[in-house]
Amino acid sequence: GYHNAEFVLTADNSLKKGGDVFIPDVPSSNPALNELASLLQSSKPIIHPAILSITPEEDAKKLRGFLTGYVGVQLLNAQIICKETILPRIMSKSPQPLPDELLSFTKLCKEILEAELGSGIEIWVRTKSGSIKTSKEVFLSSEFRPFRNWETHQAFVPGLSFIDSTYLPADCTDDELKKWRDFFKTAGVKENPDNGVEQFAINFALEKLKGKYRNVQLVEKRNYGFDIQTETPEGAPIQV
């Protein structure tokens, strides 16, 4: 073996013995590897990510085998590291991170953990309006292709905030979109706003009725047995 030779290049461009260096157990092709190495290098000697960028994947596996076997480089469980080091930075119980940091950390958590965040997790989320809100306050925007697209109905359900589409890569596949939807759902993003369907239905009806009838009034809280009362142009009452 080569355990005592200081020839393993680390992310901070120093040379160390293999036994003193760590490799996150993330596939070499995963873009999260570079960022994870950058984040961890201040606390642990992480192998330089360029070393693991070898292709094809078969050669990358052989290289990892050489490093962890003959050289003694240690494997780090990326999921454990992410849950202990990165996820806490974007959880809503922590101070709001800067917008770019939030985007970067969230992408990293999604790449490593996907929907395995754990139960009861609530995170900070960037919105299309530029604000940062908790995951329970936001909804999937059109770019995520949600089952029920509330962004297309926001004129009838005011006050909704939608997730910034910059989370998604430019060439996002259907499979990638599903992973993002599952990730945000696990993180506390709701599929539907509370009373959203009812509010949409009433506001949609009001908008349409105002274009055809007169004296349109919302009376849903008066327990008349109907929600809207209005009149035809001739004065005949209508109950909706």
Protein backbone atom coordinates (compact mmCIF):
# COMPACT_ATOMS: atom_id res chain seq x y z
CA GLY A 1 0.00 0.00 0.00
CA TYR A 2 0.85 3.67 -0.15
CA HIS A 3 -0.59 4.78 3.19
CA ASN A 4 2.50 6.67 4.28
CA ALA A 5 3.12 8.58 1.05
CA GLU A 6 2.00 12.22 1.05
CA PHE A 7 0.80 12.38 -2.54
CA VAL A 8 -2.97 12.78 -2.29
CA LEU A 9 -4.06 16.24 -3.43
CA THR A 10 -6.79 17.84 -1.31
CA ALA A 11 -9.40 20.46 -2.20
CA ASP A 12 -7.24 23.22 -0.66
CA ASN A 13 -4.31 22.20 -2.94
CA SER A 14 -2.13 20.55 -0.31
CA LEU A 15 -0.62 17.06 -0.27
CA LYS A 16 -1.46 14.60 2.49
CA LYS A 17 -1.28 10.92 3.37
CA GLY A 18 -4.22 8.90 2.16
CA GLY A 19 -5.33 8.04 5.68
CA ASP A 20 -5.73 11.73 6.47
CA VAL A 21 -7.94 12.46 3.45
CA PHE A 22 -11.67 11.89 2.92
CA ILE A 23 -13.88 11.16 -0.11
CA PRO A 24 -17.63 11.95 0.06
CA ASP A 25 -19.49 8.87 -1.19
CA VAL A 26 -21.14 10.82 -4.02
CA PRO A 27 -20.82 9.53 -7.61
CA SER A 28 -18.08 11.29 -9.56
CA SER A 29 -20.61 12.46 -12.15
CA ASN A 30 -22.76 14.17 -9.50
CA PRO A 31 -22.31 17.97 -9.59
CA ALA A 32 -22.80 18.02 -5.81
CA LEU A 33 -19.32 16.52 -5.33
CA ASN A 34 -17.42 19.73 -6.12
CA GLU A 35 -19.56 21.88 -3.87
CA LEU A 36 -19.54 19.39 -1.03
CA ALA A 37 -15.74 19.26 -1.17
CA SER A 38 -15.59 23.05 -1.09
CA LEU A 39 -17.89 23.27 1.94
CA LEU A 40 -16.12 20.55 3.91
CA GLN A 41 -12.51 21.51 3.24
CA SER A 42 -12.47 23.95 6.17
CA SER A 43 -13.24 21.14 8.63
CA LYS A 44 -11.85 18.02 6.92
CA PRO A 45 -9.14 17.33 4.31
CA ILE A 46 -11.29 16.45 1.28
CA ILE A 47 -9.80 14.97 -1.87
CA HIS A 48 -9.56 17.40 -4.76
CA PRO A 49 -12.73 16.90 -6.85
CA ALA A 50 -10.77 17.10 -10.12
CA ILE A 51 -9.09 13.80 -9.25
CA LEU A 52 -12.47 12.07 -9.28
CA SER A 53 -13.67 13.67 -12.51
CA ILE A 54 -12.15 10.82 -14.55
CA THR A 55 -14.37 9.17 -17.15
CA PRO A 56 -15.82 6.69 -17.98
CA GLU A 57 -17.58 5.68 -14.76
CA GLU A 58 -15.85 2.29 -14.79
CA ASP A 59 -12.46 3.99 -14.56
CA ALA A 60 -13.79 6.29 -11.84
CA LYS A 61 -14.79 3.24 -9.77
CA LYS A 62 -11.31 1.71 -10.23
CA LEU A 63 -9.71 4.97 -9.11
CA ARG A 64 -11.92 5.11 -6.00
CA GLY A 65 -11.01 1.50 -5.25
CA PHE A 66 -7.31 2.32 -5.53
CA LEU A 67 -7.64 5.39 -3.30
CA THR A 68 -9.73 3.73 -0.58
CA GLY A 69 -7.86 0.43 -0.75
CA TYR A 70 -4.15 0.88 -1.47
CA VAL A 71 -3.91 4.52 -0.42
CA GLY A 72 -6.21 4.46 2.61
CA VAL A 73 -8.43 7.44 1.74
CA GLN A 74 -11.51 7.38 3.99
CA LEU A 75 -15.12 7.39 2.77
CA LEU A 76 -17.54 9.95 4.17
CA ASN A 77 -21.27 9.22 4.17
CA ALA A 78 -22.58 12.15 2.13
CA GLN A 79 -26.15 11.86 3.45
CA ILE A 80 -25.01 12.05 7.07
CA ILE A 81 -22.75 15.01 6.30
CA CYS A 82 -25.54 16.78 4.44
CA LYS A 83 -28.04 16.28 7.28
CA GLU A 84 -25.54 17.42 9.91
CA THR A 85 -23.79 20.25 8.08
CA ILE A 86 -25.80 21.61 5.15
CA LEU A 87 -29.50 20.96 5.80
CA PRO A 88 -29.48 22.90 9.11
CA ARG A 89 -28.38 26.03 7.21
CA ILE A 90 -31.61 26.12 5.18
CA MET A 91 -34.07 24.98 7.84
CA SER A 92 -36.61 27.60 8.84
CA LYS A 93 -35.60 27.47 12.49
CA SER A 94 -32.20 28.87 11.46
CA PRO A 95 -31.57 32.50 10.40
CA GLN A 96 -32.37 33.20 6.75
CA PRO A 97 -29.32 32.53 4.55
CA LEU A 98 -28.37 34.88 1.72
CA PRO A 99 -30.41 34.19 -1.47
CA ASP A 100 -27.48 32.70 -3.43
CA GLU A 101 -26.39 30.58 -0.47
CA LEU A 102 -29.94 29.34 -0.02
CA LEU A 103 -30.15 28.33 -3.67
CA SER A 104 -26.78 26.57 -3.56
CA PHE A 105 -27.41 24.71 -0.28
CA THR A 106 -30.89 23.61 -1.37
CA LYS A 107 -29.61 22.24 -4.66
CA LEU A 108 -26.92 20.36 -2.76
CA CYS A 109 -29.44 18.84 -0.35
CA LYS A 110 -31.69 17.84 -3.20
CA GLU A 111 -28.79 16.17 -5.07
CA ILE A 112 -27.60 14.22 -2.03
CA LEU A 113 -30.76 13.58 -0.01
CA GLU A 114 -33.51 13.88 -2.63
CA ALA A 115 -36.73 13.17 -0.68
CA GLU A 116 -34.90 11.57 2.29
CA LEU A 117 -34.97 14.71 4.42
CA GLY A 118 -36.66 13.15 7.42
CA SER A 119 -40.03 13.98 8.95
CA GLY A 120 -41.21 17.40 10.03
CA ILE A 121 -38.62 19.32 8.01
CA GLU A 122 -39.42 22.92 7.05
CA ILE A 123 -36.96 24.97 5.01
CA TRP A 124 -36.43 28.48 3.68
CA VAL A 125 -37.38 28.88 0.00
CA ARG A 126 -36.66 31.57 -2.59
CA THR A 127 -39.76 32.90 -4.35
CA LYS A 128 -40.33 34.39 -7.78
CA SER A 129 -40.96 37.79 -6.20
CA GLY A 130 -37.43 37.78 -4.75
CA SER A 131 -38.49 37.22 -1.15
CA ILE A 132 -37.56 34.28 1.09
CA LYS A 133 -40.40 32.43 2.82
CA THR A 134 -40.85 29.20 4.71
CA SER A 135 -41.79 26.13 2.71
CA LYS A 136 -45.28 26.04 4.25
CA GLU A 137 -45.95 29.51 2.76
CA VAL A 138 -45.08 28.75 -0.87
CA PHE A 139 -46.38 26.68 -3.76
CA LEU A 140 -44.84 25.03 -6.80
CA SER A 141 -44.61 27.40 -9.75
CA SER A 142 -45.60 26.46 -13.30
CA GLU A 143 -42.05 25.44 -14.23
CA PHE A 144 -42.24 22.51 -11.79
CA ARG A 145 -45.35 21.20 -13.61
CA PRO A 146 -47.39 20.51 -10.47
CA PHE A 147 -50.51 18.36 -10.66
CA ARG A 148 -52.62 21.41 -9.78
CA ASN A 149 -51.02 24.61 -11.08
CA TRP A 150 -52.08 27.39 -8.73
CA GLU A 151 -49.89 29.94 -10.46
CA THR A 152 -52.23 29.94 -13.46
CA HIS A 153 -55.13 30.66 -11.07
CA GLN A 154 -53.44 33.26 -8.86
CA ALA A 155 -55.73 36.05 -10.11
CA PHE A 156 -58.58 34.28 -8.30
CA VAL A 157 -56.58 33.26 -5.21
CA PRO A 158 -54.58 36.36 -4.26
CA GLY A 159 -51.66 36.34 -1.85
CA LEU A 160 -49.94 33.16 -3.01
CA SER A 161 -46.14 32.93 -3.35
CA PHE A 162 -44.43 30.64 -5.85
CA ILE A 163 -41.04 28.93 -5.81
CA ASP A 164 -38.33 30.56 -7.90
CA SER A 165 -37.70 28.60 -11.10
CA THR A 166 -33.92 29.16 -10.78
CA TYR A 167 -33.80 26.01 -8.65
CA LEU A 168 -34.22 24.05 -11.89
CA PRO A 169 -31.46 23.40 -14.44
CA ALA A 170 -31.96 24.78 -17.95
CA ASP A 171 -32.44 21.32 -19.49
CA CYS A 172 -34.55 19.82 -16.71
CA THR A 173 -35.96 16.39 -17.54
CA ASP A 174 -39.31 14.98 -16.43
CA ASP A 175 -37.52 12.70 -13.99
CA GLU A 176 -35.60 15.66 -12.52
CA LEU A 177 -38.82 17.66 -12.18
CA LYS A 178 -40.42 14.80 -10.27
CA LYS A 179 -37.44 14.66 -7.91
CA TRP A 180 -37.74 18.39 -7.23
CA ARG A 181 -41.49 18.09 -6.61
CA ASP A 182 -40.92 15.21 -4.21
CA PHE A 183 -38.10 17.09 -2.46
CA PHE A 184 -40.19 20.22 -1.87
CA LYS A 185 -43.22 18.17 -0.82
CA THR A 186 -41.09 16.41 1.80
CA ALA A 187 -39.78 19.83 2.87
CA GLY A 188 -43.30 21.02 3.70
CA VAL A 189 -44.49 22.68 0.49
CA LYS A 190 -48.25 22.09 0.22
CA GLU A 191 -49.97 21.07 -3.00
CA ASN A 192 -53.01 23.27 -2.33
CA PRO A 193 -53.59 26.42 -0.28
CA ASP A 194 -55.98 26.16 2.64
CA ASN A 195 -59.52 26.71 1.29
CA GLY A 196 -57.90 27.43 -2.07
CA VAL A 197 -60.43 25.52 -4.17
CA GLU A 198 -63.36 27.25 -2.48
CA GLN A 199 -61.76 30.70 -2.75
CA PHE A 200 -60.92 30.12 -6.41
CA ALA A 201 -64.46 28.98 -7.20
CA ILE A 202 -66.10 31.99 -5.55
CA ASN A 203 -63.73 34.58 -7.02
CA PHE A 204 -63.96 32.99 -10.45
CA ALA A 205 -67.78 33.06 -10.25
CA LEU A 206 -67.79 36.69 -9.06
CA GLU A 207 -65.58 37.74 -11.96
CA LYS A 208 -67.79 36.03 -14.54
CA LEU A 209 -71.09 37.20 -13.01
CA LYS A 210 -69.98 40.84 -12.85
CA GLY A 211 -69.59 40.82 -16.60
CA LYS A 212 -73.19 39.72 -17.16
CA TYR A 213 -75.36 40.71 -14.20
CA ARG A 214 -75.77 43.65 -11.81
CA ASN A 215 -75.55 44.14 -8.03
CA VAL A 216 -73.32 41.10 -7.58
CA GLN A 217 -72.84 40.50 -3.83
CA LEU A 218 -70.94 37.86 -1.88
CA VAL A 219 -73.17 36.57 0.94
CA GLU A 220 -71.52 33.24 1.75
CA LYS A 221 -71.17 34.00 5.49
CA ARG A 222 -74.84 34.85 6.01
CA ASN A 223 -76.01 31.24 5.80
CA TYR A 224 -78.71 31.90 3.20
CA GLY A 225 -78.02 28.55 1.58
CA PHE A 226 -76.18 30.19 -1.33
CA ASP A 227 -72.93 32.16 -1.73
CA ILE A 228 -73.70 34.95 -4.20
CA GLN A 229 -76.80 36.98 -4.94
CA THR A 230 -77.23 39.10 -8.06
CA GLU A 231 -79.83 40.38 -10.49
CA THR A 232 -80.50 40.17 -14.18
CA PRO A 233 -80.44 43.47 -16.14
CA GLU A 234 -84.25 43.43 -15.78
CA GLY A 235 -84.04 43.15 -11.96
CA ALA A 236 -84.93 39.48 -11.51
CA PRO A 237 -83.07 37.96 -8.51
CA ILE A 238 -80.50 35.20 -9.01
CA GLN A 239 -79.01 33.04 -6.26
CA VAL A 240 -75.72 31.24 -6.87
